C-alpha atoms as a PDB file:
ATOM      1  CA  MET A   1     -46.163  -7.497 -25.153  1.00  0.00           C
ATOM      2  CA  VAL A   2     -48.192 -11.089 -24.682  1.00  0.00           C
ATOM      3  CA  PRO A   3     -45.285 -13.509 -24.018  1.00  0.00           C
ATOM      4  CA  GLU A   4     -44.998 -16.017 -26.905  1.00  0.00           C
ATOM      5  CA  PRO A   5     -45.568 -19.660 -26.173  1.00  0.00           C
ATOM      6  CA  ALA A   6     -42.416 -21.446 -25.299  1.00  0.00           C
ATOM      7  CA  ALA A   7     -40.305 -23.200 -28.706  1.00  0.00           C
ATOM      8  CA  ALA A   8     -40.416 -27.153 -28.289  1.00  0.00           C
ATOM      9  CA  PRO A   9     -37.142 -28.427 -26.531  1.00  0.00           C
ATOM     10  CA  SER A  10     -34.880 -29.576 -28.973  1.00  0.00           C
ATOM     11  CA  ARG A  11     -32.346 -32.602 -28.632  1.00  0.00           C
ATOM     12  CA  ASP A  12     -29.676 -29.739 -27.959  1.00  0.00           C
ATOM     13  CA  ASN A  13     -31.415 -28.308 -24.863  1.00  0.00           C
ATOM     14  CA  VAL A  14     -31.572 -32.862 -23.385  1.00  0.00           C
ATOM     15  CA  ASP A  15     -28.189 -33.222 -24.404  1.00  0.00           C
ATOM     16  CA  MET A  16     -26.478 -29.823 -23.546  1.00  0.00           C
ATOM     17  CA  SER A  17     -24.924 -31.374 -20.165  1.00  0.00           C
ATOM     18  CA  THR A  18     -23.662 -34.653 -21.544  1.00  0.00           C
ATOM     19  CA  ARG A  19     -21.377 -32.234 -24.071  1.00  0.00           C
ATOM     20  CA  ARG A  20     -20.255 -30.083 -21.809  1.00  0.00           C
ATOM     21  CA  ARG A  21     -18.648 -32.798 -20.182  1.00  0.00           C
ATOM     22  CA  GLY A  22     -16.912 -34.296 -23.252  1.00  0.00           C
ATOM     23  CA  GLY A  23     -14.615 -36.792 -23.940  1.00  0.00           C
ATOM     24  CA  GLY A  24     -15.167 -40.163 -23.762  1.00  0.00           C
ATOM     25  CA  ARG A  25     -17.928 -42.861 -24.935  1.00  0.00           C
ATOM     26  CA  PRO A  26     -21.098 -40.841 -25.588  1.00  0.00           C
ATOM     27  CA  ARG A  27     -23.386 -41.848 -22.441  1.00  0.00           C
ATOM     28  CA  ASP A  28     -26.903 -43.701 -22.983  1.00  0.00           C
ATOM     29  CA  ALA A  29     -28.817 -40.508 -23.657  1.00  0.00           C
ATOM     30  CA  ARG A  30     -32.130 -42.713 -21.603  1.00  0.00           C
ATOM     31  CA  ILE A  31     -30.815 -42.121 -18.731  1.00  0.00           C
ATOM     32  CA  ASP A  32     -30.477 -38.371 -19.293  1.00  0.00           C
ATOM     33  CA  GLU A  33     -34.264 -38.505 -19.673  1.00  0.00           C
ATOM     34  CA  ARG A  34     -34.983 -40.165 -17.345  1.00  0.00           C
ATOM     35  CA  VAL A  35     -32.977 -37.976 -15.004  1.00  0.00           C
ATOM     36  CA  LEU A  36     -34.436 -34.739 -16.241  1.00  0.00           C
ATOM     37  CA  ALA A  37     -38.407 -36.488 -15.690  1.00  0.00           C
ATOM     38  CA  ALA A  38     -37.341 -37.308 -12.116  1.00  0.00           C
ATOM     39  CA  ALA A  39     -35.881 -33.882 -11.528  1.00  0.00           C
ATOM     40  CA  ARG A  40     -39.273 -31.493 -13.204  1.00  0.00           C
ATOM     41  CA  ASN A  41     -41.415 -33.745 -10.729  1.00  0.00           C
ATOM     42  CA  LEU A  42     -39.248 -33.960  -7.856  1.00  0.00           C
ATOM     43  CA  LEU A  43     -39.599 -29.496  -8.267  1.00  0.00           C
ATOM     44  CA  ALA A  44     -42.652 -29.338  -9.071  1.00  0.00           C
ATOM     45  CA  ALA A  45     -44.393 -31.647  -6.361  1.00  0.00           C
ATOM     46  CA  LYS A  46     -41.926 -30.790  -3.734  1.00  0.00           C
ATOM     47  CA  GLY A  47     -40.428 -27.350  -4.443  1.00  0.00           C
ATOM     48  CA  LEU A  48     -36.973 -26.109  -5.204  1.00  0.00           C
ATOM     49  CA  ARG A  49     -35.411 -27.952  -1.618  1.00  0.00           C
ATOM     50  CA  ALA A  50     -36.591 -31.305  -2.702  1.00  0.00           C
ATOM     51  CA  MET A  51     -34.206 -31.486  -5.708  1.00  0.00           C
ATOM     52  CA  THR A  52     -31.253 -32.826  -4.887  1.00  0.00           C
ATOM     53  CA  LEU A  53     -29.001 -34.694  -6.658  1.00  0.00           C
ATOM     54  CA  ASP A  54     -29.218 -38.123  -4.082  1.00  0.00           C
ATOM     55  CA  ALA A  55     -32.652 -37.218  -4.570  1.00  0.00           C
ATOM     56  CA  VAL A  56     -32.828 -37.626  -8.055  1.00  0.00           C
ATOM     57  CA  ALA A  57     -30.951 -40.522  -8.573  1.00  0.00           C
ATOM     58  CA  ASP A  58     -33.748 -42.636  -6.055  1.00  0.00           C
ATOM     59  CA  VAL A  59     -36.676 -41.076  -8.357  1.00  0.00           C
ATOM     60  CA  ALA A  60     -35.130 -41.715 -11.603  1.00  0.00           C
ATOM     61  CA  GLY A  61     -33.067 -45.142 -10.422  1.00  0.00           C
ATOM     62  CA  VAL A  62     -30.071 -44.152 -11.713  1.00  0.00           C
ATOM     63  CA  SER A  63     -26.594 -44.733  -9.995  1.00  0.00           C
ATOM     64  CA  ARG A  64     -25.311 -41.314  -8.131  1.00  0.00           C
ATOM     65  CA  SER A  65     -22.324 -41.817 -10.303  1.00  0.00           C
ATOM     66  CA  ALA A  66     -24.076 -41.470 -13.723  1.00  0.00           C
ATOM     67  CA  ILE A  67     -25.802 -37.876 -12.059  1.00  0.00           C
ATOM     68  CA  TYR A  68     -22.697 -36.819 -10.845  1.00  0.00           C
ATOM     69  CA  ARG A  69     -20.940 -37.880 -14.750  1.00  0.00           C
ATOM     70  CA  ARG A  70     -23.183 -35.252 -15.961  1.00  0.00           C
ATOM     71  CA  TRP A  71     -24.484 -32.497 -13.852  1.00  0.00           C
ATOM     72  CA  ALA A  72     -22.294 -30.719 -11.427  1.00  0.00           C
ATOM     73  CA  SER A  73     -24.585 -29.300  -8.983  1.00  0.00           C
ATOM     74  CA  SER A  74     -28.449 -29.545  -8.455  1.00  0.00           C
ATOM     75  CA  ASP A  75     -28.608 -25.471  -9.744  1.00  0.00           C
ATOM     76  CA  GLU A  76     -26.881 -26.998 -12.866  1.00  0.00           C
ATOM     77  CA  LEU A  77     -28.893 -29.364 -12.884  1.00  0.00           C
ATOM     78  CA  VAL A  78     -32.817 -27.122 -12.742  1.00  0.00           C
ATOM     79  CA  LEU A  79     -31.470 -24.798 -15.544  1.00  0.00           C
ATOM     80  CA  ASP A  80     -31.283 -28.050 -18.070  1.00  0.00           C
ATOM     81  CA  VAL A  81     -34.676 -29.154 -16.608  1.00  0.00           C
ATOM     82  CA  LEU A  82     -35.702 -25.332 -17.615  1.00  0.00           C
ATOM     83  CA  ASP A  83     -34.703 -26.648 -21.212  1.00  0.00           C
ATOM     84  CA  HIS A  84     -35.690 -29.214 -21.240  1.00  0.00           C
ATOM     85  CA  ALA A  85     -39.536 -28.548 -19.383  1.00  0.00           C
ATOM     86  CA  LEU A  86     -40.268 -24.843 -21.435  1.00  0.00           C
ATOM     87  CA  GLY A  87     -38.169 -24.432 -24.038  1.00  0.00           C
ATOM     88  CA  GLN A  88     -35.894 -21.091 -25.011  1.00  0.00           C
ATOM     89  CA  LEU A  89     -37.673 -18.651 -25.493  1.00  0.00           C
ATOM     90  CA  PRO A  90     -37.771 -16.513 -28.422  1.00  0.00           C
ATOM     91  CA  GLY A  91     -36.115 -13.440 -28.870  1.00  0.00           C
ATOM     92  CA  PRO A  92     -37.980  -9.824 -30.562  1.00  0.00           C
ATOM     93  CA  ASN A  93     -40.118 -10.250 -33.263  1.00  0.00           C
ATOM     94  CA  PRO A  94     -41.854  -6.128 -33.604  1.00  0.00           C
ATOM     95  CA  SER A  95     -43.696  -7.247 -36.654  1.00  0.00           C
ATOM     96  CA  VAL A  96     -45.716  -9.224 -34.398  1.00  0.00           C
ATOM     97  CA  ALA A  97     -47.149  -5.685 -32.562  1.00  0.00           C
ATOM     98  CA  SER A  98     -50.804  -5.271 -31.804  1.00  0.00           C
ATOM     99  CA  GLU A  99     -52.749  -2.289 -32.566  1.00  0.00           C
ATOM    100  CA  ALA A 100     -54.652  -3.035 -29.148  1.00  0.00           C
ATOM    101  CA  PHE A 101     -51.110  -2.679 -27.483  1.00  0.00           C
ATOM    102  CA  TRP A 102     -53.245  -2.067 -24.092  1.00  0.00           C
ATOM    103  CA  SER A 103     -55.408  -4.821 -24.521  1.00  0.00           C
ATOM    104  CA  ASP A 104     -52.236  -6.972 -25.377  1.00  0.00           C
ATOM    105  CA  VAL A 105     -50.619  -5.498 -21.994  1.00  0.00           C
ATOM    106  CA  ARG A 106     -53.257  -6.229 -20.056  1.00  0.00           C
ATOM    107  CA  GLU A 107     -53.212 -10.297 -21.556  1.00  0.00           C
ATOM    108  CA  GLY A 108     -49.143  -9.927 -21.263  1.00  0.00           C
ATOM    109  CA  LEU A 109     -49.395  -9.420 -17.872  1.00  0.00           C
ATOM    110  CA  HIS A 110     -52.270 -12.200 -16.760  1.00  0.00           C
ATOM    111  CA  VAL A 111     -50.050 -14.990 -18.437  1.00  0.00           C
ATOM    112  CA  ALA A 112     -47.477 -13.792 -16.203  1.00  0.00           C
ATOM    113  CA  VAL A 113     -48.521 -13.843 -13.410  1.00  0.00           C
ATOM    114  CA  ALA A 114     -50.474 -17.440 -14.616  1.00  0.00           C
ATOM    115  CA  GLY A 115     -47.102 -18.886 -15.601  1.00  0.00           C
ATOM    116  CA  LEU A 116     -45.514 -18.052 -11.765  1.00  0.00           C
ATOM    117  CA  SER A 117     -48.153 -20.486 -10.518  1.00  0.00           C
ATOM    118  CA  ASN A 118     -45.694 -23.115 -13.336  1.00  0.00           C
ATOM    119  CA  PRO A 119     -43.811 -25.179 -10.086  1.00  0.00           C
ATOM    120  CA  VAL A 120     -41.116 -25.519 -12.904  1.00  0.00           C
ATOM    121  CA  GLU A 121     -40.838 -21.644 -13.745  1.00  0.00           C
ATOM    122  CA  HIS A 122     -41.713 -20.781 -10.660  1.00  0.00           C
ATOM    123  CA  GLY A 123     -38.626 -22.797  -8.839  1.00  0.00           C
ATOM    124  CA  ALA A 124     -36.463 -21.162 -11.301  1.00  0.00           C
ATOM    125  CA  ILE A 125     -37.386 -18.090  -9.843  1.00  0.00           C
ATOM    126  CA  GLN A 126     -36.685 -19.133  -6.758  1.00  0.00           C
ATOM    127  CA  LEU A 127     -33.219 -20.412  -7.920  1.00  0.00           C
ATOM    128  CA  TRP A 128     -32.613 -16.896  -9.649  1.00  0.00           C
ATOM    129  CA  LEU A 129     -33.143 -14.750  -6.872  1.00  0.00           C
ATOM    130  CA  GLY A 130     -31.973 -17.306  -4.121  1.00  0.00           C
ATOM    131  CA  ARG A 131     -28.378 -18.910  -5.602  1.00  0.00           C
ATOM    132  CA  LEU A 132     -27.293 -18.154  -8.752  1.00  0.00           C
ATOM    133  CA  THR A 133     -26.363 -14.429  -8.780  1.00  0.00           C
ATOM    134  CA  HIS A 134     -23.642 -16.071  -7.219  1.00  0.00           C
ATOM    135  CA  GLN A 135     -22.453 -18.134  -9.679  1.00  0.00           C
ATOM    136  CA  PRO A 136     -22.352 -15.879 -12.200  1.00  0.00           C
ATOM    137  CA  LYS A 137     -21.654 -18.762 -15.285  1.00  0.00           C
ATOM    138  CA  LEU A 138     -24.565 -20.185 -14.334  1.00  0.00           C
ATOM    139  CA  HIS A 139     -26.555 -17.093 -13.762  1.00  0.00           C
ATOM    140  CA  ARG A 140     -25.603 -15.439 -16.959  1.00  0.00           C
ATOM    141  CA  ARG A 141     -27.022 -18.910 -18.838  1.00  0.00           C
ATOM    142  CA  TYR A 142     -29.979 -18.232 -16.793  1.00  0.00           C
ATOM    143  CA  TRP A 143     -30.180 -14.703 -17.698  1.00  0.00           C
ATOM    144  CA  GLU A 144     -29.861 -15.835 -21.252  1.00  0.00           C
ATOM    145  CA  ARG A 145     -31.849 -18.768 -22.014  1.00  0.00           C
ATOM    146  CA  ARG A 146     -35.012 -17.038 -19.323  1.00  0.00           C
ATOM    147  CA  VAL A 147     -34.966 -13.495 -18.985  1.00  0.00           C
ATOM    148  CA  LYS A 148     -33.285 -11.150 -21.901  1.00  0.00           C
ATOM    149  CA  PRO A 149     -35.486 -12.919 -24.852  1.00  0.00           C
ATOM    150  CA  ARG A 150     -38.391 -11.818 -22.696  1.00  0.00           C
ATOM    151  CA  ARG A 151     -37.283  -8.037 -21.926  1.00  0.00           C
ATOM    152  CA  GLU A 152     -36.512  -7.500 -25.229  1.00  0.00           C
ATOM    153  CA  ARG A 153     -39.354  -8.750 -26.827  1.00  0.00           C
ATOM    154  CA  ALA A 154     -41.858  -6.434 -24.038  1.00  0.00           C
ATOM    155  CA  ILE A 155     -39.280  -3.354 -24.445  1.00  0.00           C
ATOM    156  CA  GLU A 156     -39.442  -3.668 -28.755  1.00  0.00           C
ATOM    157  CA  SER A 157     -43.208  -3.919 -28.374  1.00  0.00           C
ATOM    158  CA  LEU A 158     -43.236  -0.341 -26.243  1.00  0.00           C
ATOM    159  CA  ARG A 159     -41.385   1.229 -29.704  1.00  0.00           C
ATOM    160  CA  GLU A 160     -43.268  -0.074 -31.549  1.00  0.00           C
ATOM    161  CA  ALA A 161     -46.263   1.367 -29.292  1.00  0.00           C
ATOM    162  CA  ALA A 162     -44.643   4.227 -29.340  1.00  0.00           C
ATOM    163  CA  ALA A 163     -44.175   4.887 -33.146  1.00  0.00           C
ATOM    164  CA  ARG A 164     -47.653   4.467 -33.540  1.00  0.00           C
ATOM    165  CA  GLY A 165     -48.511   7.247 -31.054  1.00  0.00           C
ATOM    166  CA  GLN A 166     -49.992   4.886 -28.727  1.00  0.00           C
ATOM    167  CA  VAL A 167     -47.108   5.404 -26.016  1.00  0.00           C
ATOM    168  CA  ALA A 168     -46.245   9.260 -25.342  1.00  0.00           C
ATOM    169  CA  ASP A 169     -42.169   7.844 -25.351  1.00  0.00           C
ATOM    170  CA  ALA A 170     -40.134   4.780 -25.096  1.00  0.00           C
ATOM    171  CA  ARG A 171     -36.637   6.426 -24.790  1.00  0.00           C
ATOM    172  CA  ASP A 172     -36.289   4.679 -21.761  1.00  0.00           C
ATOM    173  CA  ALA A 173     -38.108   1.737 -22.718  1.00  0.00           C
ATOM    174  CA  ASP A 174     -35.479  -0.706 -21.317  1.00  0.00           C
ATOM    175  CA  LEU A 175     -35.819   1.335 -17.879  1.00  0.00           C
ATOM    176  CA  LEU A 176     -40.126   0.704 -17.809  1.00  0.00           C
ATOM    177  CA  ILE A 177     -39.438  -2.599 -18.278  1.00  0.00           C
ATOM    178  CA  ASP A 178     -37.537  -3.623 -15.375  1.00  0.00           C
ATOM    179  CA  MET A 179     -39.258  -1.568 -13.501  1.00  0.00           C
ATOM    180  CA  LEU A 180     -42.313  -3.760 -14.296  1.00  0.00           C
ATOM    181  CA  ALA A 181     -40.593  -6.464 -13.607  1.00  0.00           C
ATOM    182  CA  GLY A 182     -39.604  -5.497 -10.266  1.00  0.00           C
ATOM    183  CA  VAL A 183     -43.061  -4.829  -9.174  1.00  0.00           C
ATOM    184  CA  LEU A 184     -44.501  -8.671 -10.128  1.00  0.00           C
ATOM    185  CA  LEU A 185     -41.412  -9.603  -8.123  1.00  0.00           C
ATOM    186  CA  TYR A 186     -41.580  -7.954  -5.150  1.00  0.00           C
ATOM    187  CA  ARG A 187     -45.767  -8.769  -5.355  1.00  0.00           C
ATOM    188  CA  TYR A 188     -44.906 -12.666  -5.541  1.00  0.00           C
ATOM    189  CA  PHE A 189     -41.886 -13.475  -4.343  1.00  0.00           C
ATOM    190  CA  LEU A 190     -41.645 -10.794  -1.481  1.00  0.00           C
ATOM    191  CA  THR A 191     -44.686  -9.954  -0.354  1.00  0.00           C
ATOM    192  CA  PRO A 192     -46.318 -12.324   1.934  1.00  0.00           C
ATOM    193  CA  GLN A 193     -49.646 -14.068   1.045  1.00  0.00           C
ATOM    194  CA  GLU A 194     -51.491 -13.148   3.395  1.00  0.00           C
ATOM    195  CA  LEU A 195     -50.497  -9.408   2.653  1.00  0.00           C
ATOM    196  CA  ARG A 196     -52.282  -9.495  -1.063  1.00  0.00           C
ATOM    197  CA  LYS A 197     -55.550 -11.064   0.298  1.00  0.00           C
ATOM    198  CA  ASP A 198     -57.261  -7.480   0.345  1.00  0.00           C
ATOM    199  CA  GLU A 199     -57.582  -7.825  -3.729  1.00  0.00           C
ATOM    200  CA  SER A 200     -57.323 -10.512  -6.299  1.00  0.00           C
ATOM    201  CA  ASP A 201     -54.526 -10.957  -8.783  1.00  0.00           C
ATOM    202  CA  GLU A 202     -57.142 -10.088 -11.391  1.00  0.00           C
ATOM    203  CA  GLN A 203     -58.480  -6.354  -9.820  1.00  0.00           C
ATOM    204  CA  TRP A 204     -53.953  -5.636  -8.615  1.00  0.00           C
ATOM    205  CA  LEU A 205     -53.528  -6.778 -12.333  1.00  0.00           C
ATOM    206  CA  ASP A 206     -56.179  -4.352 -13.092  1.00  0.00           C
ATOM    207  CA  ARG A 207     -55.202  -1.303 -11.771  1.00  0.00           C
ATOM    208  CA  LEU A 208     -51.423  -2.037 -12.768  1.00  0.00           C
ATOM    209  CA  ALA A 209     -52.443  -1.704 -15.924  1.00  0.00           C
ATOM    210  CA  ASP A 210     -54.517   1.014 -15.821  1.00  0.00           C
ATOM    211  CA  LEU A 211     -51.502   3.092 -13.625  1.00  0.00           C
ATOM    212  CA  ALA A 212     -49.604   2.556 -16.419  1.00  0.00           C
ATOM    213  CA  GLU A 213     -51.514   3.267 -19.190  1.00  0.00           C
ATOM    214  CA  ARG A 214     -52.854   6.642 -17.518  1.00  0.00           C
ATOM    215  CA  LEU A 215     -48.990   7.820 -17.300  1.00  0.00           C
ATOM    216  CA  LEU A 216     -47.723   6.270 -20.751  1.00  0.00           C
ATOM    217  CA  SER A 217     -50.731   7.179 -23.228  1.00  0.00           C
ATOM    218  CA  PRO A 218     -50.430  10.584 -24.856  1.00  0.00           C
ATOM    219  CA  SER A 219     -52.193  13.493 -23.185  1.00  0.00           C
ATOM    220  CA  PRO A 220     -55.072  14.427 -25.513  1.00  0.00           C
ATOM    221  CA  PRO A 221     -54.043  17.711 -27.644  1.00  0.00           C
ATOM    222  CA  SER A 222     -54.990  21.213 -26.138  1.00  0.00           C
ATOM    223  CA  GLY A 223     -58.012  23.417 -26.569  1.00  0.00           C
ATOM    224  CA  ASP A 224     -59.671  21.050 -29.273  1.00  0.00           C
ATOM    225  CA  GLY A 225     -63.160  20.651 -26.817  1.00  0.00           C
ATOM    226  CA  ASP A 226     -64.020  23.169 -23.956  1.00  0.00           C
ATOM    227  CA  ALA A 227     -62.277  25.563 -25.741  1.00  0.00           C
ATOM    228  CA  ARG A 228     -64.318  25.596 -29.061  1.00  0.00           C
ATOM    229  CA  SER A 229     -67.505  25.379 -26.399  1.00  0.00           C
END
């Protein structure tokens, strides 16, 4: 269940917005690179609200018309920044499932929370929760590239663990993974930071992993212990 390293950015991702517009003479790819770099820096340094198309044009040192020819909105640009900076996530690969399933679960949770401190990823989730739900095409693109691969990988890992007898029942693996994702979003995006100070992230994640293991681990065979003594 450990998230896989992001794939290296490809030229296809970088030039996506150029191809989307289509027609006319080819545009200077160097402008695309400057705009994407400027947008990423703004997103990391000042957050989602500061990353307007006008602000990106100023930082990149390009004309506003050059921005508007490539991206119709800042939301569209943010998604291209994600593809450029983080790459497209891989889909499920059950062949890498580990025998140390619950250790992988714990490590995966820590990696997921560490990722939330990445300003680019954090800004992307804010965008998804706050604005993309009203833009079906962009919403679907974010789901396909940022959410679906991780979700499918986690579901497949849970099912593989059930097949090895490390999990009691994975018939509702998709629902279990969605519930776990909901817990993370609730803590890190809905709960005020001052209300999370009673325990560290490390302690909270350990409790969460302990709870999951207690609920999902197979029960020991009955009658093997005290019944024979």
